[in-house]
Amino acid sequence: MMREAKEEPGVVFACTFEGREELLNNFYNEIELCEKALYSYLEEKKKVFARFYFVSMQALLDILSNGNNPEKVDEYLGDCFDGMKCLDFVKGPGIPYPSKRAKGMWSKENEYVPFFGEFAMAGAVENYLCDLERCMQTTLRDVLEKAKASADLWGIENKRELWLDDQCAQISLLATQVMWTDETIRAFDDLEGGSETAMKEYLVLIINRIKALIE
């Protein structure tokens, strides 16, 4: 059709050529059918992995078309997760490309968190991304438990300003908030138990911790 239009570039002739309007309308109707089918297909994928709602149409099509290549999908993880930038894939001699196993994750601030064991990506991309989401949550929960357990030693051997170096930012913040809540409740209990200076003493402790952190 474009070749014919080039041969006869006159607008009136091109627009009144017999059968051309009908042909263009058929093209348009077929495109509409394709778009409806595509939107329906993408909607099904979004229902499985709801974070697909946050990515652009072009990115989603690229993700789905490269579902068997986790390293290619990895480029879009930052669009799906606020805190994750990419995965640390298991690579080396004897491991085929693309790698379908990861041993850790990187945040957008370039903090690294290893998984407790390798994470395997198999099956449809929307399914293994759901598994990745659960893996990330489970990993951070376990890391938080260890961080909280070691935070209990702040006043004994592991001072907070040094303890922070062993944690990623989200975990150190959350564990600190948990500790602050525990210690504040304990100070209230001591106050009710007759220690009139409990809250003042805890305030001094907080100020000293902040000063040490600044230094």
N, C-alpha and C. Protein backbone atom coordinates (compact mmCIF):
# COMPACT_ATOMS: atom_id res chain seq x y z
N MET A 1 0.83 -1.20 0.00
CA MET A 1 0.00 0.00 0.00
C MET A 1 0.87 1.26 0.00
N MET A 2 1.95 1.22 0.78
CA MET A 2 2.84 2.37 0.83
C MET A 2 3.58 2.55 -0.50
N ARG A 3 3.92 1.43 -1.15
CA ARG A 3 4.57 1.52 -2.46
C ARG A 3 3.63 2.14 -3.49
N GLU A 4 2.36 1.75 -3.45
CA GLU A 4 1.37 2.32 -4.36
C GLU A 4 1.21 3.82 -4.13
N ALA A 5 1.21 4.22 -2.83
CA ALA A 5 1.08 5.64 -2.50
C ALA A 5 2.28 6.42 -2.99
N LYS A 6 3.45 5.78 -2.96
CA LYS A 6 4.65 6.46 -3.44
C LYS A 6 4.59 6.67 -4.96
N GLU A 7 4.04 5.65 -5.64
CA GLU A 7 3.94 5.75 -7.09
C GLU A 7 2.90 6.78 -7.51
N GLU A 8 1.85 6.91 -6.71
CA GLU A 8 0.80 7.90 -6.99
C GLU A 8 0.66 8.80 -5.77
N PRO A 9 1.55 9.79 -5.61
CA PRO A 9 1.59 10.60 -4.37
C PRO A 9 0.45 11.60 -4.22
N GLY A 10 -0.41 11.72 -5.17
CA GLY A 10 -1.51 12.67 -5.05
C GLY A 10 -2.46 12.29 -3.92
N VAL A 11 -2.79 13.27 -3.06
CA VAL A 11 -3.61 13.00 -1.87
C VAL A 11 -4.99 12.50 -2.26
N VAL A 12 -5.63 13.15 -3.21
CA VAL A 12 -6.99 12.77 -3.59
C VAL A 12 -7.00 11.34 -4.13
N PHE A 13 -6.04 11.02 -4.99
CA PHE A 13 -5.99 9.67 -5.56
C PHE A 13 -5.74 8.63 -4.47
N ALA A 14 -4.78 8.94 -3.57
CA ALA A 14 -4.44 7.99 -2.50
C ALA A 14 -5.62 7.74 -1.58
N CYS A 15 -6.42 8.76 -1.32
CA CYS A 15 -7.54 8.62 -0.37
C CYS A 15 -8.81 8.07 -1.02
N THR A 16 -8.86 8.07 -2.33
CA THR A 16 -10.09 7.58 -3.01
C THR A 16 -9.84 6.29 -3.77
N PHE A 17 -8.65 5.71 -3.59
CA PHE A 17 -8.34 4.46 -4.30
C PHE A 17 -9.33 3.39 -3.87
N GLU A 18 -9.85 2.67 -4.81
CA GLU A 18 -10.93 1.70 -4.56
C GLU A 18 -10.49 0.62 -3.56
N GLY A 19 -11.27 0.45 -2.50
CA GLY A 19 -11.04 -0.60 -1.51
C GLY A 19 -10.05 -0.24 -0.42
N ARG A 20 -9.38 0.91 -0.55
CA ARG A 20 -8.33 1.27 0.42
C ARG A 20 -8.92 1.61 1.79
N GLU A 21 -10.01 2.34 1.82
CA GLU A 21 -10.62 2.70 3.11
C GLU A 21 -11.07 1.44 3.86
N GLU A 22 -11.71 0.52 3.13
CA GLU A 22 -12.16 -0.73 3.75
C GLU A 22 -10.97 -1.53 4.28
N LEU A 23 -9.89 -1.56 3.51
CA LEU A 23 -8.70 -2.30 3.93
C LEU A 23 -8.10 -1.70 5.20
N LEU A 24 -8.02 -0.38 5.25
CA LEU A 24 -7.47 0.29 6.44
C LEU A 24 -8.36 0.06 7.66
N ASN A 25 -9.67 0.09 7.45
CA ASN A 25 -10.57 -0.18 8.57
C ASN A 25 -10.40 -1.61 9.09
N ASN A 26 -10.19 -2.55 8.18
CA ASN A 26 -9.95 -3.94 8.60
C ASN A 26 -8.65 -4.05 9.41
N PHE A 27 -7.62 -3.34 8.93
CA PHE A 27 -6.35 -3.32 9.67
C PHE A 27 -6.58 -2.80 11.09
N TYR A 28 -7.32 -1.71 11.18
CA TYR A 28 -7.56 -1.07 12.48
C TYR A 28 -8.33 -2.01 13.41
N ASN A 29 -9.34 -2.68 12.88
CA ASN A 29 -10.11 -3.62 13.70
C ASN A 29 -9.26 -4.78 14.18
N GLU A 30 -8.36 -5.26 13.32
CA GLU A 30 -7.49 -6.37 13.71
C GLU A 30 -6.49 -5.93 14.78
N ILE A 31 -6.00 -4.70 14.64
CA ILE A 31 -5.08 -4.17 15.66
C ILE A 31 -5.80 -4.04 17.00
N GLU A 32 -7.04 -3.59 16.98
CA GLU A 32 -7.81 -3.48 18.22
C GLU A 32 -7.98 -4.84 18.88
N LEU A 33 -8.25 -5.87 18.08
CA LEU A 33 -8.39 -7.23 18.63
C LEU A 33 -7.08 -7.69 19.26
N CYS A 34 -5.98 -7.40 18.57
CA CYS A 34 -4.67 -7.79 19.10
C CYS A 34 -4.39 -7.07 20.42
N GLU A 35 -4.72 -5.78 20.48
CA GLU A 35 -4.48 -5.01 21.70
C GLU A 35 -5.32 -5.53 22.86
N LYS A 36 -6.57 -5.87 22.58
CA LYS A 36 -7.43 -6.40 23.63
C LYS A 36 -6.89 -7.73 24.15
N ALA A 37 -6.45 -8.57 23.24
CA ALA A 37 -5.89 -9.86 23.64
C ALA A 37 -4.61 -9.66 24.44
N LEU A 38 -3.79 -8.69 24.02
CA LEU A 38 -2.55 -8.41 24.73
C LEU A 38 -2.83 -7.89 26.13
N TYR A 39 -3.75 -6.94 26.25
CA TYR A 39 -4.09 -6.38 27.57
C TYR A 39 -4.65 -7.46 28.49
N SER A 40 -5.46 -8.35 27.93
CA SER A 40 -6.01 -9.45 28.72
C SER A 40 -4.91 -10.37 29.22
N TYR A 41 -3.95 -10.65 28.34
CA TYR A 41 -2.81 -11.51 28.69
C TYR A 41 -1.97 -10.86 29.79
N LEU A 42 -1.68 -9.57 29.64
CA LEU A 42 -0.87 -8.87 30.63
C LEU A 42 -1.60 -8.76 31.96
N GLU A 43 -2.90 -8.59 31.92
CA GLU A 43 -3.69 -8.49 33.15
C GLU A 43 -3.61 -9.78 33.96
N GLU A 44 -3.62 -10.91 33.27
CA GLU A 44 -3.49 -12.20 33.96
C GLU A 44 -2.13 -12.30 34.65
N LYS A 45 -1.09 -11.82 33.99
CA LYS A 45 0.25 -11.85 34.58
C LYS A 45 0.32 -10.92 35.80
N LYS A 46 -0.33 -9.77 35.70
CA LYS A 46 -0.32 -8.81 36.80
C LYS A 46 -1.06 -9.35 38.02
N LYS A 47 -2.10 -10.16 37.79
CA LYS A 47 -2.85 -10.74 38.90
C LYS A 47 -1.98 -11.71 39.69
N VAL A 48 -1.05 -12.36 39.01
CA VAL A 48 -0.15 -13.31 39.68
C VAL A 48 0.93 -12.55 40.45
N PHE A 49 1.55 -11.58 39.79
CA PHE A 49 2.63 -10.79 40.42
C PHE A 49 2.23 -9.32 40.34
N ALA A 50 1.62 -8.83 41.41
CA ALA A 50 0.99 -7.50 41.40
C ALA A 50 1.98 -6.37 41.15
N ARG A 51 3.27 -6.59 41.41
CA ARG A 51 4.24 -5.51 41.19
C ARG A 51 4.42 -5.18 39.71
N PHE A 52 3.90 -6.03 38.83
CA PHE A 52 3.91 -5.70 37.40
C PHE A 52 3.08 -4.46 37.10
N TYR A 53 2.18 -4.10 38.00
CA TYR A 53 1.38 -2.89 37.80
C TYR A 53 2.26 -1.63 37.86
N PHE A 54 3.45 -1.75 38.45
CA PHE A 54 4.31 -0.59 38.63
C PHE A 54 5.27 -0.36 37.46
N VAL A 55 5.32 -1.30 36.51
CA VAL A 55 6.28 -1.16 35.41
C VAL A 55 5.54 -0.72 34.15
N SER A 56 6.28 -0.15 33.22
CA SER A 56 5.68 0.32 31.97
C SER A 56 5.30 -0.87 31.09
N MET A 57 4.45 -0.60 30.11
CA MET A 57 4.02 -1.64 29.19
C MET A 57 5.21 -2.24 28.46
N GLN A 58 6.12 -1.38 27.99
CA GLN A 58 7.28 -1.87 27.24
C GLN A 58 8.18 -2.73 28.12
N ALA A 59 8.39 -2.29 29.37
CA ALA A 59 9.22 -3.06 30.30
C ALA A 59 8.59 -4.40 30.61
N LEU A 60 7.27 -4.40 30.79
CA LEU A 60 6.58 -5.66 31.10
C LEU A 60 6.67 -6.64 29.94
N LEU A 61 6.51 -6.14 28.73
CA LEU A 61 6.64 -7.01 27.56
C LEU A 61 8.05 -7.58 27.46
N ASP A 62 9.04 -6.75 27.79
CA ASP A 62 10.43 -7.20 27.74
C ASP A 62 10.68 -8.27 28.80
N ILE A 63 10.11 -8.06 30.00
CA ILE A 63 10.27 -9.04 31.08
C ILE A 63 9.66 -10.38 30.69
N LEU A 64 8.44 -10.34 30.17
CA LEU A 64 7.73 -11.57 29.83
C LEU A 64 8.39 -12.30 28.66
N SER A 65 8.91 -11.55 27.70
CA SER A 65 9.55 -12.18 26.55
C SER A 65 10.91 -12.76 26.89
N ASN A 66 11.48 -12.33 28.02
CA ASN A 66 12.78 -12.85 28.46
C ASN A 66 12.66 -13.64 29.76
N GLY A 67 11.47 -14.21 29.99
CA GLY A 67 11.23 -14.92 31.24
C GLY A 67 12.20 -16.05 31.51
N ASN A 68 12.72 -16.69 30.46
CA ASN A 68 13.67 -17.79 30.63
C ASN A 68 15.11 -17.31 30.81
N ASN A 69 15.28 -15.99 30.84
CA ASN A 69 16.60 -15.40 31.01
C ASN A 69 16.59 -14.48 32.24
N PRO A 70 16.74 -15.05 33.44
CA PRO A 70 16.68 -14.23 34.66
C PRO A 70 17.67 -13.07 34.68
N GLU A 71 18.81 -13.23 34.01
CA GLU A 71 19.79 -12.14 34.00
C GLU A 71 19.27 -10.94 33.21
N LYS A 72 18.45 -11.19 32.20
CA LYS A 72 17.82 -10.09 31.46
C LYS A 72 16.70 -9.47 32.28
N VAL A 73 15.91 -10.30 32.95
CA VAL A 73 14.83 -9.81 33.82
C VAL A 73 15.41 -8.98 34.96
N ASP A 74 16.63 -9.33 35.39
CA ASP A 74 17.30 -8.66 36.49
C ASP A 74 17.40 -7.15 36.27
N GLU A 75 17.47 -6.74 35.01
CA GLU A 75 17.60 -5.32 34.69
C GLU A 75 16.37 -4.51 35.13
N TYR A 76 15.26 -5.19 35.33
CA TYR A 76 14.01 -4.50 35.66
C TYR A 76 13.59 -4.68 37.12
N LEU A 77 14.41 -5.36 37.92
CA LEU A 77 14.01 -5.59 39.32
C LEU A 77 13.85 -4.29 40.08
N GLY A 78 14.65 -3.29 39.74
CA GLY A 78 14.54 -2.00 40.41
C GLY A 78 13.20 -1.31 40.16
N ASP A 79 12.54 -1.67 39.03
CA ASP A 79 11.21 -1.12 38.76
C ASP A 79 10.13 -1.83 39.57
N CYS A 80 10.40 -3.07 39.94
CA CYS A 80 9.42 -3.87 40.68
C CYS A 80 9.56 -3.72 42.18
N PHE A 81 10.80 -3.51 42.66
CA PHE A 81 11.06 -3.44 44.10
C PHE A 81 11.72 -2.12 44.44
N ASP A 82 11.21 -1.45 45.47
CA ASP A 82 11.80 -0.17 45.89
C ASP A 82 13.21 -0.36 46.43
N GLY A 83 13.43 -1.45 47.15
CA GLY A 83 14.70 -1.61 47.85
C GLY A 83 15.74 -2.44 47.12
N MET A 84 15.35 -3.17 46.09
CA MET A 84 16.29 -4.06 45.41
C MET A 84 16.69 -3.50 44.06
N LYS A 85 18.01 -3.52 43.80
CA LYS A 85 18.49 -3.08 42.49
C LYS A 85 18.72 -4.27 41.56
N CYS A 86 19.39 -5.30 42.06
CA CYS A 86 19.70 -6.45 41.21
C CYS A 86 20.09 -7.63 42.09
N LEU A 87 20.25 -8.78 41.45
CA LEU A 87 20.64 -10.01 42.14
C LEU A 87 22.11 -10.29 41.92
N ASP A 88 22.67 -11.08 42.82
CA ASP A 88 24.04 -11.57 42.68
C ASP A 88 23.95 -13.01 42.20
N PHE A 89 24.13 -13.20 40.90
CA PHE A 89 23.95 -14.52 40.30
C PHE A 89 25.15 -15.43 40.57
N VAL A 90 24.85 -16.71 40.66
CA VAL A 90 25.90 -17.71 40.80
C VAL A 90 26.51 -17.93 39.42
N LYS A 91 27.79 -17.63 39.28
CA LYS A 91 28.47 -17.78 38.00
C LYS A 91 29.80 -18.48 38.20
N GLY A 92 30.33 -19.00 37.11
CA GLY A 92 31.61 -19.68 37.19
C GLY A 92 31.71 -20.82 36.20
N PRO A 93 32.82 -21.52 36.21
CA PRO A 93 33.01 -22.65 35.30
C PRO A 93 31.93 -23.72 35.49
N GLY A 94 31.38 -24.18 34.39
CA GLY A 94 30.38 -25.24 34.45
C GLY A 94 28.97 -24.77 34.66
N ILE A 95 28.79 -23.46 34.89
CA ILE A 95 27.44 -22.91 35.10
C ILE A 95 26.98 -22.28 33.79
N PRO A 96 25.92 -22.79 33.18
CA PRO A 96 25.48 -22.29 31.87
C PRO A 96 24.93 -20.87 31.97
N TYR A 97 25.00 -20.18 30.82
CA TYR A 97 24.38 -18.86 30.71
C TYR A 97 23.02 -19.00 30.05
N PRO A 98 22.00 -18.31 30.51
CA PRO A 98 22.02 -17.41 31.68
C PRO A 98 21.92 -18.20 32.98
N SER A 99 22.55 -17.66 34.00
CA SER A 99 22.46 -18.29 35.32
C SER A 99 21.04 -18.17 35.86
N LYS A 100 20.56 -19.23 36.47
CA LYS A 100 19.22 -19.22 37.05
C LYS A 100 19.24 -19.42 38.55
N ARG A 101 20.40 -19.11 39.15
CA ARG A 101 20.54 -19.19 40.60
C ARG A 101 21.21 -17.93 41.12
N ALA A 102 20.71 -17.43 42.24
CA ALA A 102 21.27 -16.22 42.85
C ALA A 102 21.66 -16.52 44.29
N LYS A 103 22.68 -15.84 44.77
CA LYS A 103 23.18 -16.06 46.13
C LYS A 103 23.04 -14.84 47.03
N GLY A 104 22.52 -13.75 46.47
CA GLY A 104 22.34 -12.55 47.27
C GLY A 104 21.68 -11.45 46.47
N MET A 105 21.51 -10.30 47.09
CA MET A 105 20.85 -9.17 46.41
C MET A 105 21.55 -7.86 46.77
N TRP A 106 21.49 -6.92 45.83
CA TRP A 106 22.06 -5.59 46.02
C TRP A 106 20.93 -4.57 46.12
N SER A 107 21.08 -3.62 47.02
CA SER A 107 20.09 -2.55 47.12
C SER A 107 20.49 -1.41 46.18
N LYS A 108 19.61 -0.43 46.03
CA LYS A 108 19.89 0.71 45.19
C LYS A 108 20.95 1.62 45.81
N GLU A 109 21.28 1.38 47.08
CA GLU A 109 22.35 2.12 47.74
C GLU A 109 23.64 1.30 47.76
N ASN A 110 23.63 0.20 46.96
CA ASN A 110 24.80 -0.70 46.84
C ASN A 110 25.15 -1.40 48.15
N GLU A 111 24.14 -1.68 48.96
CA GLU A 111 24.33 -2.55 50.12
C GLU A 111 24.04 -3.98 49.70
N TYR A 112 24.84 -4.89 50.20
CA TYR A 112 24.71 -6.29 49.79
C TYR A 112 24.17 -7.14 50.94
N VAL A 113 23.19 -7.98 50.61
CA VAL A 113 22.61 -8.91 51.59
C VAL A 113 22.64 -10.31 50.98
N PRO A 114 23.39 -11.24 51.57
CA PRO A 114 23.42 -12.61 51.03
C PRO A 114 22.17 -13.38 51.41
N PHE A 115 21.74 -14.29 50.54
CA PHE A 115 20.64 -15.18 50.85
C PHE A 115 21.16 -16.30 51.74
N PHE A 116 20.26 -16.90 52.51
CA PHE A 116 20.62 -18.08 53.29
C PHE A 116 20.44 -19.30 52.40
N GLY A 117 21.45 -19.55 51.56
CA GLY A 117 21.34 -20.60 50.55
C GLY A 117 21.04 -19.97 49.21
N GLU A 118 21.15 -20.74 48.16
CA GLU A 118 20.92 -20.22 46.81
C GLU A 118 19.43 -20.16 46.49
N PHE A 119 19.07 -19.16 45.70
CA PHE A 119 17.69 -19.01 45.25
C PHE A 119 17.62 -19.40 43.78
N ALA A 120 16.78 -20.39 43.46
CA ALA A 120 16.67 -20.89 42.09
C ALA A 120 15.45 -20.29 41.41
N MET A 121 15.62 -19.93 40.14
CA MET A 121 14.54 -19.33 39.35
C MET A 121 14.14 -20.30 38.23
N ALA A 122 12.95 -20.85 38.34
CA ALA A 122 12.46 -21.81 37.35
C ALA A 122 10.98 -21.56 37.11
N GLY A 123 10.52 -21.95 35.93
CA GLY A 123 9.11 -21.78 35.60
C GLY A 123 8.82 -20.41 35.03
N ALA A 124 7.55 -20.02 35.08
CA ALA A 124 7.13 -18.73 34.52
C ALA A 124 7.71 -17.58 35.34
N VAL A 125 8.05 -16.50 34.66
CA VAL A 125 8.72 -15.38 35.32
C VAL A 125 7.88 -14.78 36.44
N GLU A 126 6.55 -14.70 36.23
CA GLU A 126 5.70 -14.12 37.28
C GLU A 126 5.70 -14.97 38.54
N ASN A 127 5.89 -16.28 38.37
CA ASN A 127 5.91 -17.19 39.53
C ASN A 127 7.22 -17.09 40.29
N TYR A 128 8.35 -17.11 39.56
CA TYR A 128 9.60 -17.06 40.31
C TYR A 128 9.88 -15.66 40.88
N LEU A 129 9.24 -14.62 40.33
CA LEU A 129 9.35 -13.31 40.96
C LEU A 129 8.56 -13.26 42.27
N CYS A 130 7.44 -13.98 42.33
CA CYS A 130 6.70 -14.11 43.59
C CYS A 130 7.57 -14.83 44.62
N ASP A 131 8.26 -15.87 44.18
CA ASP A 131 9.16 -16.60 45.07
C ASP A 131 10.31 -15.70 45.52
N LEU A 132 10.81 -14.86 44.62
CA LEU A 132 11.89 -13.94 44.97
C LEU A 132 11.43 -12.95 46.03
N GLU A 133 10.20 -12.46 45.90
CA GLU A 133 9.65 -11.54 46.89
C GLU A 133 9.62 -12.19 48.28
N ARG A 134 9.16 -13.44 48.33
CA ARG A 134 9.12 -14.15 49.61
C ARG A 134 10.53 -14.42 50.13
N CYS A 135 11.45 -14.73 49.23
CA CYS A 135 12.84 -14.97 49.63
C CYS A 135 13.44 -13.71 50.23
N MET A 136 13.18 -12.57 49.61
CA MET A 136 13.69 -11.30 50.13
C MET A 136 13.13 -11.02 51.52
N GLN A 137 11.84 -11.24 51.70
CA GLN A 137 11.20 -10.98 52.99
C GLN A 137 11.73 -11.93 54.07
N THR A 138 11.86 -13.20 53.72
CA THR A 138 12.36 -14.19 54.68
C THR A 138 13.80 -13.89 55.07
N THR A 139 14.62 -13.53 54.07
CA THR A 139 16.02 -13.21 54.34
C THR A 139 16.14 -12.02 55.28
N LEU A 140 15.40 -10.96 55.00
CA LEU A 140 15.49 -9.75 55.84
C LEU A 140 14.93 -10.01 57.23
N ARG A 141 13.93 -10.88 57.35
CA ARG A 141 13.40 -11.23 58.67
C ARG A 141 14.46 -11.96 59.49
N ASP A 142 15.14 -12.91 58.85
CA ASP A 142 16.20 -13.65 59.56
C ASP A 142 17.37 -12.74 59.93
N VAL A 143 17.72 -11.83 59.01
CA VAL A 143 18.79 -10.88 59.29
C VAL A 143 18.40 -9.98 60.45
N LEU A 144 17.12 -9.56 60.48
CA LEU A 144 16.64 -8.71 61.56
C LEU A 144 16.71 -9.43 62.91
N GLU A 145 16.34 -10.70 62.93
CA GLU A 145 16.41 -11.47 64.18
C GLU A 145 17.83 -11.51 64.72
N LYS A 146 18.80 -11.73 63.82
CA LYS A 146 20.20 -11.77 64.25
C LYS A 146 20.67 -10.39 64.69
N ALA A 147 20.24 -9.36 63.97
CA ALA A 147 20.63 -8.00 64.34
C ALA A 147 20.07 -7.62 65.70
N LYS A 148 18.82 -7.99 65.97
CA LYS A 148 18.20 -7.69 67.26
C LYS A 148 18.90 -8.45 68.38
N ALA A 149 19.26 -9.71 68.12
CA ALA A 149 19.95 -10.50 69.14
C ALA A 149 21.31 -9.89 69.49
N SER A 150 22.04 -9.42 68.48
CA SER A 150 23.34 -8.80 68.74
C SER A 150 23.18 -7.40 69.34
N ALA A 151 22.05 -6.74 69.05
CA ALA A 151 21.81 -5.41 69.62
C ALA A 151 21.59 -5.48 71.13
N ASP A 152 21.16 -6.64 71.62
CA ASP A 152 20.98 -6.81 73.07
C ASP A 152 22.29 -6.66 73.82
N LEU A 153 23.42 -6.70 73.09
CA LEU A 153 24.74 -6.61 73.72
C LEU A 153 25.34 -5.22 73.61
N TRP A 154 24.52 -4.23 73.20
CA TRP A 154 25.04 -2.86 73.04
C TRP A 154 25.80 -2.37 74.27
N GLY A 155 25.22 -2.62 75.42
CA GLY A 155 25.83 -2.08 76.63
C GLY A 155 26.90 -2.97 77.23
N ILE A 156 27.17 -4.10 76.59
CA ILE A 156 28.12 -5.07 77.15
C ILE A 156 29.41 -5.13 76.33
N GLU A 157 29.27 -5.52 75.06
CA GLU A 157 30.48 -5.69 74.24
C GLU A 157 30.36 -5.11 72.84
N ASN A 158 29.14 -4.98 72.33
CA ASN A 158 28.96 -4.56 70.94
C ASN A 158 28.28 -3.19 70.90
N LYS A 159 29.08 -2.13 71.01
CA LYS A 159 28.51 -0.79 71.07
C LYS A 159 27.76 -0.46 69.77
N ARG A 160 26.72 0.34 69.90
CA ARG A 160 25.84 0.58 68.76
C ARG A 160 26.59 1.17 67.57
N GLU A 161 27.50 2.13 67.81
CA GLU A 161 28.19 2.79 66.70
C GLU A 161 29.07 1.81 65.92
N LEU A 162 29.46 0.70 66.56
CA LEU A 162 30.23 -0.34 65.86
C LEU A 162 29.30 -1.40 65.28
N TRP A 163 28.23 -1.68 66.00
CA TRP A 163 27.22 -2.66 65.56
C TRP A 163 26.62 -2.27 64.21
N LEU A 164 26.46 -0.95 63.99
CA LEU A 164 25.86 -0.47 62.74
C LEU A 164 26.63 -0.92 61.50
N ASP A 165 27.95 -1.07 61.63
CA ASP A 165 28.77 -1.42 60.47
C ASP A 165 28.44 -2.80 59.93
N ASP A 166 27.85 -3.64 60.75
CA ASP A 166 27.56 -5.02 60.34
C ASP A 166 26.18 -5.18 59.74
N GLN A 167 25.40 -4.10 59.67
CA GLN A 167 24.00 -4.20 59.22
C GLN A 167 23.76 -3.30 58.01
N CYS A 168 22.79 -3.70 57.18
CA CYS A 168 22.34 -2.78 56.13
C CYS A 168 21.42 -1.74 56.77
N ALA A 169 21.21 -0.64 56.08
CA ALA A 169 20.55 0.53 56.68
C ALA A 169 19.14 0.22 57.19
N GLN A 170 18.32 -0.46 56.39
CA GLN A 170 16.95 -0.74 56.81
C GLN A 170 16.92 -1.58 58.08
N ILE A 171 17.79 -2.57 58.15
CA ILE A 171 17.82 -3.47 59.31
C ILE A 171 18.32 -2.74 60.54
N SER A 172 19.37 -1.93 60.40
CA SER A 172 19.90 -1.21 61.56
C SER A 172 18.87 -0.23 62.10
N LEU A 173 18.11 0.41 61.20
CA LEU A 173 17.08 1.36 61.64
C LEU A 173 15.96 0.64 62.37
N LEU A 174 15.47 -0.45 61.79
CA LEU A 174 14.35 -1.17 62.39
C LEU A 174 14.75 -1.80 63.72
N ALA A 175 15.93 -2.43 63.76
CA ALA A 175 16.39 -3.05 65.01
C ALA A 175 16.58 -2.00 66.10
N THR A 176 17.07 -0.82 65.71
CA THR A 176 17.24 0.28 66.67
C THR A 176 15.89 0.74 67.22
N GLN A 177 14.89 0.80 66.35
CA GLN A 177 13.55 1.21 66.80
C GLN A 177 12.96 0.16 67.75
N VAL A 178 13.21 -1.11 67.47
CA VAL A 178 12.74 -2.18 68.37
C VAL A 178 13.43 -2.06 69.72
N MET A 179 14.75 -1.84 69.69
CA MET A 179 15.50 -1.71 70.94
C MET A 179 15.02 -0.49 71.73
N TRP A 180 14.81 0.63 71.04
CA TRP A 180 14.35 1.84 71.72
C TRP A 180 13.01 1.59 72.41
N THR A 181 12.11 0.88 71.71
CA THR A 181 10.80 0.58 72.29
C THR A 181 10.93 -0.30 73.52
N ASP A 182 11.75 -1.36 73.41
CA ASP A 182 11.97 -2.27 74.55
C ASP A 182 12.55 -1.53 75.75
N GLU A 183 13.56 -0.72 75.48
CA GLU A 183 14.23 -0.02 76.58
C GLU A 183 13.34 1.05 77.20
N THR A 184 12.53 1.71 76.38
CA THR A 184 11.61 2.73 76.91
C THR A 184 10.56 2.09 77.81
N ILE A 185 10.02 0.97 77.37
CA ILE A 185 9.04 0.24 78.20
C ILE A 185 9.69 -0.20 79.51
N ARG A 186 10.94 -0.66 79.43
CA ARG A 186 11.65 -1.09 80.64
C ARG A 186 11.86 0.08 81.60
N ALA A 187 12.14 1.26 81.02
CA ALA A 187 12.33 2.44 81.87
C ALA A 187 11.01 2.83 82.55
N PHE A 188 9.90 2.73 81.84
CA PHE A 188 8.59 2.98 82.44
C PHE A 188 8.31 1.99 83.57
N ASP A 189 8.63 0.72 83.32
CA ASP A 189 8.43 -0.30 84.36
C ASP A 189 9.25 0.00 85.60
N ASP A 190 10.52 0.42 85.37
CA ASP A 190 11.39 0.76 86.51
C ASP A 190 10.84 1.96 87.26
N LEU A 191 10.28 2.91 86.51
CA LEU A 191 9.70 4.10 87.14
C LEU A 191 8.51 3.72 88.02
N GLU A 192 7.66 2.83 87.49
CA GLU A 192 6.50 2.38 88.28
C GLU A 192 6.95 1.53 89.46
N GLY A 193 8.13 0.90 89.32
CA GLY A 193 8.64 0.07 90.41
C GLY A 193 9.31 0.86 91.52
N GLY A 194 9.39 2.18 91.35
CA GLY A 194 9.94 2.99 92.42
C GLY A 194 11.22 3.72 92.07
N SER A 195 11.80 3.47 90.89
CA SER A 195 13.03 4.16 90.50
C SER A 195 12.66 5.50 89.87
N GLU A 196 12.76 6.56 90.64
CA GLU A 196 12.32 7.88 90.19
C GLU A 196 13.21 8.46 89.09
N THR A 197 14.43 7.97 88.97
CA THR A 197 15.38 8.53 87.99
C THR A 197 15.48 7.66 86.73
N ALA A 198 14.63 6.66 86.60
CA ALA A 198 14.75 5.71 85.49
C ALA A 198 14.71 6.39 84.13
N MET A 199 13.74 7.31 83.92
CA MET A 199 13.60 7.96 82.63
C MET A 199 14.77 8.91 82.36
N LYS A 200 15.21 9.62 83.40
CA LYS A 200 16.34 10.54 83.23
C LYS A 200 17.62 9.78 82.89
N GLU A 201 17.81 8.64 83.54
CA GLU A 201 19.00 7.84 83.27
C GLU A 201 18.97 7.28 81.84
N TYR A 202 17.78 6.91 81.39
CA TYR A 202 17.69 6.38 80.02
C TYR A 202 17.93 7.49 79.00
N LEU A 203 17.47 8.71 79.32
CA LEU A 203 17.72 9.85 78.43
C LEU A 203 19.22 10.10 78.30
N VAL A 204 19.93 10.02 79.39
CA VAL A 204 21.39 10.20 79.35
C VAL A 204 22.04 9.14 78.47
N LEU A 205 21.56 7.89 78.61
CA LEU A 205 22.08 6.80 77.81
C LEU A 205 21.86 7.07 76.31
N ILE A 206 20.66 7.52 75.96
CA ILE A 206 20.35 7.82 74.55
C ILE A 206 21.26 8.93 74.02
N ILE A 207 21.43 9.99 74.80
CA ILE A 207 22.27 11.11 74.37
C ILE A 207 23.71 10.65 74.17
N ASN A 208 24.22 9.83 75.08
CA ASN A 208 25.60 9.32 74.95
C ASN A 208 25.75 8.45 73.71
N ARG A 209 24.74 7.66 73.40
CA ARG A 209 24.80 6.83 72.19
C ARG A 209 24.84 7.69 70.93
N ILE A 210 24.02 8.74 70.92
CA ILE A 210 23.99 9.64 69.77
C ILE A 210 25.32 10.35 69.59
N LYS A 211 25.90 10.81 70.72
CA LYS A 211 27.21 11.47 70.66
C LYS A 211 28.28 10.53 70.11
N ALA A 212 28.26 9.27 70.57
CA ALA A 212 29.24 8.29 70.11
C ALA A 212 29.06 8.02 68.62
N LEU A 213 27.79 7.99 68.19
CA LEU A 213 27.51 7.76 66.77
C LEU A 213 28.02 8.92 65.91
N ILE A 214 27.82 10.14 66.39
CA ILE A 214 28.29 11.33 65.67
C ILE A 214 29.82 11.32 65.57
N GLU A 215 30.45 11.00 66.68
CA GLU A 215 31.94 10.99 66.72
C GLU A 215 32.50 9.92 65.79
